[in-house]
Amino acid sequence: MNIDSLTPLFASAVAAAIPLLLAALGELVTERSGVLNLGVEGMMLMGGVTAFIVVASGGGLVLATLAACCAGMVAALMFAFVTLTLQASQVAAGLALAILGSGVSAFLGRGYVGNPAKVSFSELPIPLLSKLPIVGPALFSMNALGYLAVILTAATTWFLYRTKSGLILRSVGESPVVAQSLGLQVIRIRYLATLFGGLMAGLAGCYYAVAQFKMWQEGLTSGNGWIALALVVFASWRPVRLMLGALLFGGVTAFGLYLQAVGVQVSAFALASLPYIATVVVLAVISRDQRALRRNAPTSLGQSFFGM
C-alpha cells in the first residue's frame, strides 16, 4: 500500500466518520443529562428524508439542513414527552422511535427512491492546506457539514467542561435529586438536551442524503445510528475521544470499500459487515471493565426522574 492509495482511503474514512460524529455528539449530550435515547437511527432517517424532500422540491441546502434539524427535534420531542413527562421506559420508547422513524421515512420517501439530489454539498478545499499529502484532501477539503462537525465537537467540549451550563447539565445526569434540591429544573434541562440530540441526529441524516450519497433510498443510514450509540460508550462520554472513535469506525468502513476497489476476492456482504463486527468487538472489550464503565457513565443514565 503506497502513499497514493492512502490518500483516498483516509479521505473516505473521514467522510464516513462525519455523520457518526454528528449523531454521537448529540447522543453524548443527551446521555450526559441522564437520558438514554436509543432512537438515534430513527431520528437520522427522519432528518435524511426531510432534507431530501426539501431539495427535491426546489429548496436550497440551508433550508434542507434546517428542515432536517427540525425533523430530528420533532422526533426527539415525542420521545422526551413520552419518557420525561409521561415517565415511560426510556429503552422501550427509544426502540419504538427507531422503528417509527424507519417506517415513516420509508413511507415519506417512497416517491423519491433512487432519485439523485437536485443540489448537494460540495467540497470546500482550504488553499495550501488541502494540498498536504494524505491529510490534505481528507481534513482540509471537506464540505460545509464536515467543517461544522469539527466546530461542534470543539464547542461541545467547551460547553461541557468550561461553562456553568455544562456543569449544570452534567450535574443533572449524575444526581437529578440533588440538582433539584439546589433549585435546578431537571426536566427542562433534560428536554433541552434531548432536543439537541435530535437536532444533531437530523443533521447527520441530512449529511447522508444530500452530502454523502446524494440520493434517497429506504434505510439510507444502514444502521449507523446504532454505531453512533456504541461510540458514546467507546468514548467514555467525552467529545474528543468521540471524534477519535468516529475516525476509527469510519476507517473500518473505508477499509472495506478499499478492499472492494482493489479487487480483493471477499464477499461484499462480509466487507459491509466490518463496521458492525468492529462495534461488537469494541463493546465486548469495553464491557469487561465494569468499574470503568460505571465510573465514566452518568450515574442516573436511563433512570426515570419523578420531579416536582
C-alpha atoms as a PDB file:
ATOM      1  CA  MET A   1       0.000   0.000   0.000  1.00  0.00           C
ATOM      2  CA  ASN A   2       1.683   3.221  -1.184  1.00  0.00           C
ATOM      3  CA  ILE A   3       1.042   6.825  -0.248  1.00  0.00           C
ATOM      4  CA  ASP A   4      -1.157   7.376  -3.302  1.00  0.00           C
ATOM      5  CA  SER A   5      -3.590   4.728  -2.097  1.00  0.00           C
ATOM      6  CA  LEU A   6      -3.552   6.035   1.481  1.00  0.00           C
ATOM      7  CA  THR A   7      -4.869   9.453   0.451  1.00  0.00           C
ATOM      8  CA  PRO A   8      -8.310   8.319  -0.841  1.00  0.00           C
ATOM      9  CA  LEU A   9      -8.508   5.742   1.981  1.00  0.00           C
ATOM     10  CA  PHE A  10      -8.057   8.412   4.651  1.00  0.00           C
ATOM     11  CA  ALA A  11     -10.440  10.766   2.852  1.00  0.00           C
ATOM     12  CA  SER A  12     -13.094   8.039   2.754  1.00  0.00           C
ATOM     13  CA  ALA A  13     -12.550   7.331   6.446  1.00  0.00           C
ATOM     14  CA  VAL A  14     -13.128  10.988   7.340  1.00  0.00           C
ATOM     15  CA  ALA A  15     -16.221  11.177   5.126  1.00  0.00           C
ATOM     16  CA  ALA A  16     -17.680   8.073   6.813  1.00  0.00           C
ATOM     17  CA  ALA A  17     -16.809   9.430  10.267  1.00  0.00           C
ATOM     18  CA  ILE A  18     -18.594  12.786   9.928  1.00  0.00           C
ATOM     19  CA  PRO A  19     -22.234  11.600  10.240  1.00  0.00           C
ATOM     20  CA  LEU A  20     -21.245   9.201  13.029  1.00  0.00           C
ATOM     21  CA  LEU A  21     -19.610  12.085  14.881  1.00  0.00           C
ATOM     22  CA  LEU A  22     -22.635  14.357  14.445  1.00  0.00           C
ATOM     23  CA  ALA A  23     -25.154  11.785  15.661  1.00  0.00           C
ATOM     24  CA  ALA A  24     -22.959  10.536  18.509  1.00  0.00           C
ATOM     25  CA  LEU A  25     -22.194  14.071  19.676  1.00  0.00           C
ATOM     26  CA  GLY A  26     -25.886  14.779  20.096  1.00  0.00           C
ATOM     27  CA  GLU A  27     -26.429  11.497  21.915  1.00  0.00           C
ATOM     28  CA  LEU A  28     -23.474  12.234  24.187  1.00  0.00           C
ATOM     29  CA  VAL A  29     -25.064  15.494  25.348  1.00  0.00           C
ATOM     30  CA  THR A  30     -28.409  13.739  25.796  1.00  0.00           C
ATOM     31  CA  GLU A  31     -26.858  10.979  27.892  1.00  0.00           C
ATOM     32  CA  ARG A  32     -24.860  13.483  29.927  1.00  0.00           C
ATOM     33  CA  SER A  33     -28.214  14.767  31.177  1.00  0.00           C
ATOM     34  CA  GLY A  34     -29.175  11.245  32.242  1.00  0.00           C
ATOM     35  CA  VAL A  35     -31.452  10.440  29.284  1.00  0.00           C
ATOM     36  CA  LEU A  36     -30.816   7.339  27.173  1.00  0.00           C
ATOM     37  CA  ASN A  37     -32.318   7.734  23.702  1.00  0.00           C
ATOM     38  CA  LEU A  38     -31.936   4.594  21.601  1.00  0.00           C
ATOM     39  CA  GLY A  39     -33.902   6.143  18.744  1.00  0.00           C
ATOM     40  CA  VAL A  40     -30.900   7.780  17.038  1.00  0.00           C
ATOM     41  CA  GLU A  41     -31.346   5.677  13.899  1.00  0.00           C
ATOM     42  CA  GLY A  42     -34.979   6.756  13.529  1.00  0.00           C
ATOM     43  CA  MET A  43     -34.158  10.438  14.032  1.00  0.00           C
ATOM     44  CA  MET A  44     -31.365  10.231  11.455  1.00  0.00           C
ATOM     45  CA  LEU A  45     -33.708   8.714   8.894  1.00  0.00           C
ATOM     46  CA  MET A  46     -36.341  11.362   9.590  1.00  0.00           C
ATOM     47  CA  GLY A  47     -33.757  14.092   9.093  1.00  0.00           C
ATOM     48  CA  GLY A  48     -32.439  12.463   5.929  1.00  0.00           C
ATOM     49  CA  VAL A  49     -35.795  12.061   4.198  1.00  0.00           C
ATOM     50  CA  THR A  50     -36.859  15.576   5.194  1.00  0.00           C
ATOM     51  CA  ALA A  51     -33.681  17.111   3.779  1.00  0.00           C
ATOM     52  CA  PHE A  52     -34.037  15.159   0.543  1.00  0.00           C
ATOM     53  CA  ILE A  53     -37.689  16.119   0.088  1.00  0.00           C
ATOM     54  CA  VAL A  54     -36.790  19.788   0.572  1.00  0.00           C
ATOM     55  CA  VAL A  55     -34.073  19.753  -2.094  1.00  0.00           C
ATOM     56  CA  ALA A  56     -36.264  17.660  -4.412  1.00  0.00           C
ATOM     57  CA  SER A  57     -38.958  20.312  -4.054  1.00  0.00           C
ATOM     58  CA  GLY A  58     -36.599  23.078  -5.104  1.00  0.00           C
ATOM     59  CA  GLY A  59     -35.373  24.195  -1.680  1.00  0.00           C
ATOM     60  CA  GLY A  60     -31.756  25.134  -1.070  1.00  0.00           C
ATOM     61  CA  LEU A  61     -29.178  23.435   1.096  1.00  0.00           C
ATOM     62  CA  VAL A  62     -29.630  25.819   4.013  1.00  0.00           C
ATOM     63  CA  LEU A  63     -33.376  25.193   4.079  1.00  0.00           C
ATOM     64  CA  ALA A  64     -32.813  21.442   3.763  1.00  0.00           C
ATOM     65  CA  THR A  65     -30.369  21.478   6.667  1.00  0.00           C
ATOM     66  CA  LEU A  66     -32.730  23.457   8.875  1.00  0.00           C
ATOM     67  CA  ALA A  67     -35.647  21.204   7.940  1.00  0.00           C
ATOM     68  CA  ALA A  68     -33.608  18.087   8.775  1.00  0.00           C
ATOM     69  CA  CYS A  69     -32.663  19.522  12.163  1.00  0.00           C
ATOM     70  CA  CYS A  70     -36.307  20.366  12.862  1.00  0.00           C
ATOM     71  CA  ALA A  71     -37.421  16.862  11.874  1.00  0.00           C
ATOM     72  CA  GLY A  72     -34.909  15.338  14.256  1.00  0.00           C
ATOM     73  CA  MET A  73     -36.019  17.687  17.028  1.00  0.00           C
ATOM     74  CA  VAL A  74     -39.703  16.843  16.495  1.00  0.00           C
ATOM     75  CA  ALA A  75     -38.905  13.134  16.804  1.00  0.00           C
ATOM     76  CA  ALA A  76     -36.820  13.835  19.912  1.00  0.00           C
ATOM     77  CA  LEU A  77     -39.632  15.930  21.355  1.00  0.00           C
ATOM     78  CA  MET A  78     -42.029  12.995  21.052  1.00  0.00           C
ATOM     79  CA  PHE A  79     -39.523  10.786  22.814  1.00  0.00           C
ATOM     80  CA  ALA A  80     -38.976  13.393  25.542  1.00  0.00           C
ATOM     81  CA  PHE A  81     -42.714  13.814  26.132  1.00  0.00           C
ATOM     82  CA  VAL A  82     -43.229  10.061  26.486  1.00  0.00           C
ATOM     83  CA  THR A  83     -40.214   9.482  28.749  1.00  0.00           C
ATOM     84  CA  LEU A  84     -39.831  12.715  30.719  1.00  0.00           C
ATOM     85  CA  THR A  85     -43.440  13.828  31.060  1.00  0.00           C
ATOM     86  CA  LEU A  86     -45.281  10.502  30.960  1.00  0.00           C
ATOM     87  CA  GLN A  87     -42.375   8.654  32.633  1.00  0.00           C
ATOM     88  CA  ALA A  88     -42.350   5.735  30.189  1.00  0.00           C
ATOM     89  CA  SER A  89     -39.334   3.437  29.869  1.00  0.00           C
ATOM     90  CA  GLN A  90     -36.532   5.188  28.010  1.00  0.00           C
ATOM     91  CA  VAL A  91     -35.309   1.923  26.483  1.00  0.00           C
ATOM     92  CA  ALA A  92     -38.741   0.935  25.166  1.00  0.00           C
ATOM     93  CA  ALA A  93     -39.512   4.439  23.891  1.00  0.00           C
ATOM     94  CA  GLY A  94     -36.134   4.683  22.166  1.00  0.00           C
ATOM     95  CA  LEU A  95     -36.590   1.370  20.379  1.00  0.00           C
ATOM     96  CA  ALA A  96     -40.094   2.435  19.352  1.00  0.00           C
ATOM     97  CA  LEU A  97     -38.711   5.703  17.976  1.00  0.00           C
ATOM     98  CA  ALA A  98     -36.097   3.838  15.928  1.00  0.00           C
ATOM     99  CA  ILE A  99     -38.793   1.635  14.399  1.00  0.00           C
ATOM    100  CA  LEU A 100     -41.174   4.561  13.880  1.00  0.00           C
ATOM    101  CA  GLY A 101     -38.528   6.697  12.200  1.00  0.00           C
ATOM    102  CA  SER A 102     -37.596   3.874   9.863  1.00  0.00           C
ATOM    103  CA  GLY A 103     -41.215   3.290   8.849  1.00  0.00           C
ATOM    104  CA  VAL A 104     -42.189   6.947   8.496  1.00  0.00           C
ATOM    105  CA  SER A 105     -39.083   7.786   6.459  1.00  0.00           C
ATOM    106  CA  ALA A 106     -39.731   4.838   4.132  1.00  0.00           C
ATOM    107  CA  PHE A 107     -43.330   5.983   3.657  1.00  0.00           C
ATOM    108  CA  LEU A 108     -42.462   9.654   3.039  1.00  0.00           C
ATOM    109  CA  GLY A 109     -39.572   8.822   0.727  1.00  0.00           C
ATOM    110  CA  ARG A 110     -41.282   6.142  -1.363  1.00  0.00           C
ATOM    111  CA  GLY A 111     -41.679   8.513  -4.316  1.00  0.00           C
ATOM    112  CA  TYR A 112     -38.032   9.617  -4.234  1.00  0.00           C
ATOM    113  CA  VAL A 113     -36.223   6.277  -4.109  1.00  0.00           C
ATOM    114  CA  GLY A 114     -33.262   6.231  -6.494  1.00  0.00           C
ATOM    115  CA  ASN A 115     -33.608   9.867  -7.499  1.00  0.00           C
ATOM    116  CA  PRO A 116     -30.434  11.970  -7.349  1.00  0.00           C
ATOM    117  CA  ALA A 117     -30.460  15.111  -5.206  1.00  0.00           C
ATOM    118  CA  LYS A 118     -31.025  18.270  -7.243  1.00  0.00           C
ATOM    119  CA  VAL A 119     -28.463  20.133  -5.148  1.00  0.00           C
ATOM    120  CA  SER A 120     -25.873  18.767  -2.745  1.00  0.00           C
ATOM    121  CA  PHE A 121     -22.996  19.827  -0.568  1.00  0.00           C
ATOM    122  CA  SER A 122     -19.705  20.070  -2.412  1.00  0.00           C
ATOM    123  CA  GLU A 123     -16.131  20.098  -1.169  1.00  0.00           C
ATOM    124  CA  LEU A 124     -14.695  23.359   0.109  1.00  0.00           C
ATOM    125  CA  PRO A 125     -10.893  22.983  -0.092  1.00  0.00           C
ATOM    126  CA  ILE A 126      -8.779  25.299   2.049  1.00  0.00           C
ATOM    127  CA  PRO A 127      -5.960  26.833  -0.030  1.00  0.00           C
ATOM    128  CA  LEU A 128      -2.492  25.351   0.579  1.00  0.00           C
ATOM    129  CA  LEU A 129      -3.662  23.061   3.403  1.00  0.00           C
ATOM    130  CA  SER A 130      -5.726  20.934   1.016  1.00  0.00           C
ATOM    131  CA  LYS A 131      -2.527  20.155  -0.930  1.00  0.00           C
ATOM    132  CA  LEU A 132      -0.837  18.448   2.008  1.00  0.00           C
ATOM    133  CA  PRO A 133      -0.141  14.748   1.387  1.00  0.00           C
ATOM    134  CA  ILE A 134      -2.630  12.237   2.813  1.00  0.00           C
ATOM    135  CA  VAL A 135      -4.313  14.569   5.349  1.00  0.00           C
ATOM    136  CA  GLY A 136      -4.911  17.493   2.970  1.00  0.00           C
ATOM    137  CA  PRO A 137      -7.731  16.022   0.856  1.00  0.00           C
ATOM    138  CA  ALA A 138      -9.264  14.388   3.938  1.00  0.00           C
ATOM    139  CA  LEU A 139      -9.201  17.142   6.552  1.00  0.00           C
ATOM    140  CA  PHE A 140      -8.987  20.325   4.529  1.00  0.00           C
ATOM    141  CA  SER A 141     -11.254  19.515   1.573  1.00  0.00           C
ATOM    142  CA  MET A 142     -14.426  18.651   3.449  1.00  0.00           C
ATOM    143  CA  ASN A 143     -17.870  20.032   2.747  1.00  0.00           C
ATOM    144  CA  ALA A 144     -19.607  22.560   4.988  1.00  0.00           C
ATOM    145  CA  LEU A 145     -21.143  19.881   7.218  1.00  0.00           C
ATOM    146  CA  GLY A 146     -17.729  18.302   7.739  1.00  0.00           C
ATOM    147  CA  TYR A 147     -16.215  21.553   8.984  1.00  0.00           C
ATOM    148  CA  LEU A 148     -19.336  22.132  11.074  1.00  0.00           C
ATOM    149  CA  ALA A 149     -18.866  18.739  12.752  1.00  0.00           C
ATOM    150  CA  VAL A 150     -15.362  19.715  13.865  1.00  0.00           C
ATOM    151  CA  ILE A 151     -16.569  23.092  15.142  1.00  0.00           C
ATOM    152  CA  LEU A 152     -19.462  21.491  17.025  1.00  0.00           C
ATOM    153  CA  THR A 153     -17.109  18.988  18.672  1.00  0.00           C
ATOM    154  CA  ALA A 154     -14.908  21.802  19.949  1.00  0.00           C
ATOM    155  CA  ALA A 155     -17.955  23.833  21.019  1.00  0.00           C
ATOM    156  CA  THR A 156     -19.485  20.885  22.867  1.00  0.00           C
ATOM    157  CA  THR A 157     -16.225  20.188  24.694  1.00  0.00           C
ATOM    158  CA  TRP A 158     -16.024  23.832  25.744  1.00  0.00           C
ATOM    159  CA  PHE A 159     -19.683  23.851  26.789  1.00  0.00           C
ATOM    160  CA  LEU A 160     -19.478  20.708  28.919  1.00  0.00           C
ATOM    161  CA  TYR A 161     -16.229  21.472  30.718  1.00  0.00           C
ATOM    162  CA  ARG A 162     -15.795  25.234  30.630  1.00  0.00           C
ATOM    163  CA  THR A 163     -19.246  26.703  31.235  1.00  0.00           C
ATOM    164  CA  LYS A 164     -21.657  26.838  34.135  1.00  0.00           C
ATOM    165  CA  SER A 165     -24.451  25.479  31.934  1.00  0.00           C
ATOM    166  CA  GLY A 166     -22.305  22.458  31.071  1.00  0.00           C
ATOM    167  CA  LEU A 167     -21.646  21.813  34.740  1.00  0.00           C
ATOM    168  CA  ILE A 168     -25.383  22.016  35.421  1.00  0.00           C
ATOM    169  CA  LEU A 169     -26.095  19.537  32.622  1.00  0.00           C
ATOM    170  CA  ARG A 170     -23.560  17.067  33.977  1.00  0.00           C
ATOM    171  CA  SER A 171     -24.886  17.536  37.496  1.00  0.00           C
ATOM    172  CA  VAL A 172     -28.391  16.645  36.359  1.00  0.00           C
ATOM    173  CA  GLY A 173     -27.025  13.476  34.766  1.00  0.00           C
ATOM    174  CA  GLU A 174     -25.182  12.495  37.919  1.00  0.00           C
ATOM    175  CA  SER A 175     -27.854  13.196  40.537  1.00  0.00           C
ATOM    176  CA  PRO A 176     -31.157  14.745  39.497  1.00  0.00           C
ATOM    177  CA  VAL A 177     -32.423  14.643  43.089  1.00  0.00           C
ATOM    178  CA  VAL A 178     -29.535  16.771  44.341  1.00  0.00           C
ATOM    179  CA  ALA A 179     -29.801  19.038  41.297  1.00  0.00           C
ATOM    180  CA  GLN A 180     -33.477  19.690  42.002  1.00  0.00           C
ATOM    181  CA  SER A 181     -32.770  20.348  45.673  1.00  0.00           C
ATOM    182  CA  LEU A 182     -30.423  23.111  44.503  1.00  0.00           C
ATOM    183  CA  GLY A 183     -33.239  24.699  42.523  1.00  0.00           C
ATOM    184  CA  LEU A 184     -32.363  23.347  39.067  1.00  0.00           C
ATOM    185  CA  GLN A 185     -35.189  22.491  36.659  1.00  0.00           C
ATOM    186  CA  VAL A 186     -34.196  18.907  35.920  1.00  0.00           C
ATOM    187  CA  ILE A 187     -36.979  18.029  33.476  1.00  0.00           C
ATOM    188  CA  ARG A 188     -36.486  21.233  31.486  1.00  0.00           C
ATOM    189  CA  ILE A 189     -32.737  20.638  31.222  1.00  0.00           C
ATOM    190  CA  ARG A 190     -33.301  17.069  30.084  1.00  0.00           C
ATOM    191  CA  TYR A 191     -35.815  18.252  27.495  1.00  0.00           C
ATOM    192  CA  LEU A 192     -33.265  20.676  26.057  1.00  0.00           C
ATOM    193  CA  ALA A 193     -30.517  18.050  25.988  1.00  0.00           C
ATOM    194  CA  THR A 194     -32.809  15.557  24.264  1.00  0.00           C
ATOM    195  CA  LEU A 195     -33.829  18.136  21.667  1.00  0.00           C
ATOM    196  CA  PHE A 196     -30.165  18.867  20.954  1.00  0.00           C
ATOM    197  CA  GLY A 197     -29.623  15.171  20.411  1.00  0.00           C
ATOM    198  CA  GLY A 198     -32.486  15.116  17.917  1.00  0.00           C
ATOM    199  CA  LEU A 199     -31.112  18.161  16.115  1.00  0.00           C
ATOM    200  CA  MET A 200     -27.709  16.512  15.697  1.00  0.00           C
ATOM    201  CA  ALA A 201     -29.218  13.219  14.545  1.00  0.00           C
ATOM    202  CA  GLY A 202     -31.282  15.085  11.957  1.00  0.00           C
ATOM    203  CA  LEU A 203     -28.129  16.865  10.809  1.00  0.00           C
ATOM    204  CA  ALA A 204     -26.378  13.515  10.427  1.00  0.00           C
ATOM    205  CA  GLY A 205     -29.290  12.254   8.324  1.00  0.00           C
ATOM    206  CA  CYS A 206     -29.034  15.348   6.163  1.00  0.00           C
ATOM    207  CA  TYR A 207     -25.359  14.550   5.584  1.00  0.00           C
ATOM    208  CA  TYR A 208     -26.176  11.072   4.316  1.00  0.00           C
ATOM    209  CA  ALA A 209     -28.961  12.281   1.996  1.00  0.00           C
ATOM    210  CA  VAL A 210     -27.513  15.412   0.388  1.00  0.00           C
ATOM    211  CA  ALA A 211     -23.776  15.305   1.101  1.00  0.00           C
ATOM    212  CA  GLN A 212     -22.512  11.727   1.011  1.00  0.00           C
ATOM    213  CA  PHE A 213     -24.881   9.572  -1.054  1.00  0.00           C
ATOM    214  CA  LYS A 214     -26.748  12.491  -2.671  1.00  0.00           C
ATOM    215  CA  MET A 215     -29.821  10.351  -3.210  1.00  0.00           C
ATOM    216  CA  TRP A 216     -32.590   8.725  -1.221  1.00  0.00           C
ATOM    217  CA  GLN A 217     -33.230   5.077  -0.553  1.00  0.00           C
ATOM    218  CA  GLU A 218     -35.027   3.242   2.211  1.00  0.00           C
ATOM    219  CA  GLY A 219     -32.801   2.688   5.240  1.00  0.00           C
ATOM    220  CA  LEU A 220     -30.215   5.114   3.915  1.00  0.00           C
ATOM    221  CA  THR A 221     -28.296   5.217   7.202  1.00  0.00           C
ATOM    222  CA  SER A 222     -27.712   1.435   7.123  1.00  0.00           C
ATOM    223  CA  GLY A 223     -27.899   1.059  10.882  1.00  0.00           C
ATOM    224  CA  ASN A 224     -25.180   3.592  11.629  1.00  0.00           C
ATOM    225  CA  GLY A 225     -27.357   5.145  14.316  1.00  0.00           C
ATOM    226  CA  TRP A 226     -26.614   2.076  16.447  1.00  0.00           C
ATOM    227  CA  ILE A 227     -22.901   2.509  15.830  1.00  0.00           C
ATOM    228  CA  ALA A 228     -23.237   6.132  16.971  1.00  0.00           C
ATOM    229  CA  LEU A 229     -24.758   4.863  20.227  1.00  0.00           C
ATOM    230  CA  ALA A 230     -21.830   2.491  20.708  1.00  0.00           C
ATOM    231  CA  LEU A 231     -19.402   5.313  20.003  1.00  0.00           C
ATOM    232  CA  VAL A 232     -20.637   7.252  23.025  1.00  0.00           C
ATOM    233  CA  VAL A 233     -19.755   4.332  25.298  1.00  0.00           C
ATOM    234  CA  PHE A 234     -16.483   3.760  23.450  1.00  0.00           C
ATOM    235  CA  ALA A 235     -15.533   7.406  24.006  1.00  0.00           C
ATOM    236  CA  SER A 236     -16.369   7.266  27.732  1.00  0.00           C
ATOM    237  CA  TRP A 237     -18.803  10.141  27.217  1.00  0.00           C
ATOM    238  CA  ARG A 238     -16.008  12.553  26.169  1.00  0.00           C
ATOM    239  CA  PRO A 239     -16.299  14.593  22.920  1.00  0.00           C
ATOM    240  CA  VAL A 240     -12.620  14.477  21.897  1.00  0.00           C
ATOM    241  CA  ARG A 241     -12.469  10.711  22.303  1.00  0.00           C
ATOM    242  CA  LEU A 242     -15.710  10.595  20.354  1.00  0.00           C
ATOM    243  CA  MET A 243     -14.010  12.220  17.376  1.00  0.00           C
ATOM    244  CA  LEU A 244     -11.171   9.709  17.507  1.00  0.00           C
ATOM    245  CA  GLY A 245     -13.648   6.844  17.802  1.00  0.00           C
ATOM    246  CA  ALA A 246     -15.634   8.115  14.818  1.00  0.00           C
ATOM    247  CA  LEU A 247     -12.425   8.183  12.761  1.00  0.00           C
ATOM    248  CA  LEU A 248     -11.681   4.623  13.858  1.00  0.00           C
ATOM    249  CA  PHE A 249     -15.090   3.311  12.814  1.00  0.00           C
ATOM    250  CA  GLY A 250     -15.002   5.431   9.666  1.00  0.00           C
ATOM    251  CA  GLY A 251     -11.634   3.866   8.875  1.00  0.00           C
ATOM    252  CA  VAL A 252     -13.090   0.374   9.208  1.00  0.00           C
ATOM    253  CA  THR A 253     -15.868   1.302   6.788  1.00  0.00           C
ATOM    254  CA  ALA A 254     -13.406   2.868   4.339  1.00  0.00           C
ATOM    255  CA  PHE A 255     -11.114  -0.151   4.547  1.00  0.00           C
ATOM    256  CA  GLY A 256     -13.944  -2.416   3.440  1.00  0.00           C
ATOM    257  CA  LEU A 257     -14.603  -0.159   0.457  1.00  0.00           C
ATOM    258  CA  TYR A 258     -10.867  -0.082  -0.310  1.00  0.00           C
ATOM    259  CA  LEU A 259     -10.667  -3.875  -0.400  1.00  0.00           C
ATOM    260  CA  GLN A 260     -13.562  -3.932  -2.852  1.00  0.00           C
ATOM    261  CA  ALA A 261     -11.881  -1.278  -5.021  1.00  0.00           C
ATOM    262  CA  VAL A 262      -8.594  -3.187  -5.290  1.00  0.00           C
ATOM    263  CA  GLY A 263     -10.418  -6.363  -6.227  1.00  0.00           C
ATOM    264  CA  VAL A 264      -9.932  -8.484  -3.119  1.00  0.00           C
ATOM    265  CA  GLN A 265     -11.979 -11.655  -3.525  1.00  0.00           C
ATOM    266  CA  VAL A 266     -14.125 -11.303  -0.422  1.00  0.00           C
ATOM    267  CA  SER A 267     -17.903 -11.234  -0.257  1.00  0.00           C
ATOM    268  CA  ALA A 268     -19.298  -7.699  -0.455  1.00  0.00           C
ATOM    269  CA  PHE A 269     -21.686  -8.595   2.357  1.00  0.00           C
ATOM    270  CA  ALA A 270     -18.769  -9.632   4.561  1.00  0.00           C
ATOM    271  CA  LEU A 271     -16.967  -6.358   3.881  1.00  0.00           C
ATOM    272  CA  ALA A 272     -20.125  -4.352   4.559  1.00  0.00           C
ATOM    273  CA  SER A 273     -20.430  -6.062   7.932  1.00  0.00           C
ATOM    274  CA  LEU A 274     -16.966  -4.955   9.099  1.00  0.00           C
ATOM    275  CA  PRO A 275     -18.164  -1.808  10.975  1.00  0.00           C
ATOM    276  CA  TYR A 276     -20.770  -3.808  12.877  1.00  0.00           C
ATOM    277  CA  ILE A 277     -18.308  -6.566  13.732  1.00  0.00           C
ATOM    278  CA  ALA A 278     -15.916  -3.883  14.974  1.00  0.00           C
ATOM    279  CA  THR A 279     -18.725  -2.416  17.081  1.00  0.00           C
ATOM    280  CA  VAL A 280     -19.484  -5.763  18.723  1.00  0.00           C
ATOM    281  CA  VAL A 281     -15.798  -6.444  19.402  1.00  0.00           C
ATOM    282  CA  VAL A 282     -15.197  -2.981  20.882  1.00  0.00           C
ATOM    283  CA  LEU A 283     -18.268  -3.162  23.123  1.00  0.00           C
ATOM    284  CA  ALA A 284     -17.296  -6.651  24.283  1.00  0.00           C
ATOM    285  CA  VAL A 285     -13.825  -5.441  25.223  1.00  0.00           C
ATOM    286  CA  ILE A 286     -15.120  -2.333  26.967  1.00  0.00           C
ATOM    287  CA  SER A 287     -17.760  -4.286  28.875  1.00  0.00           C
ATOM    288  CA  ARG A 288     -15.076  -6.407  30.539  1.00  0.00           C
ATOM    289  CA  ASP A 289     -14.170  -3.448  32.769  1.00  0.00           C
ATOM    290  CA  GLN A 290     -17.434  -2.740  34.539  1.00  0.00           C
ATOM    291  CA  ARG A 291     -15.788  -0.430  37.054  1.00  0.00           C
ATOM    292  CA  ALA A 292     -14.533   1.888  34.323  1.00  0.00           C
ATOM    293  CA  LEU A 293     -17.967   1.938  32.709  1.00  0.00           C
ATOM    294  CA  ARG A 294     -19.669   2.850  35.981  1.00  0.00           C
ATOM    295  CA  ARG A 295     -17.014   5.453  36.716  1.00  0.00           C
ATOM    296  CA  ASN A 296     -17.407   7.245  33.387  1.00  0.00           C
ATOM    297  CA  ALA A 297     -21.117   6.834  32.684  1.00  0.00           C
ATOM    298  CA  PRO A 298     -23.617   9.377  34.075  1.00  0.00           C
ATOM    299  CA  THR A 299     -24.936   7.861  37.298  1.00  0.00           C
ATOM    300  CA  SER A 300     -28.614   8.403  36.504  1.00  0.00           C
ATOM    301  CA  LEU A 301     -28.397   7.348  32.850  1.00  0.00           C
ATOM    302  CA  GLY A 302     -31.654   5.767  31.693  1.00  0.00           C
ATOM    303  CA  GLN A 303     -33.391   6.245  35.030  1.00  0.00           C
ATOM    304  CA  SER A 304     -36.761   7.992  35.222  1.00  0.00           C
ATOM    305  CA  PHE A 305     -36.985  11.022  37.470  1.00  0.00           C
ATOM    306  CA  PHE A 306     -40.240  11.983  39.124  1.00  0.00           C
ATOM    307  CA  GLY A 307     -39.557  15.679  39.585  1.00  0.00           C
ATOM    308  CA  MET A 308     -41.869  18.279  41.021  1.00  0.00           C
END
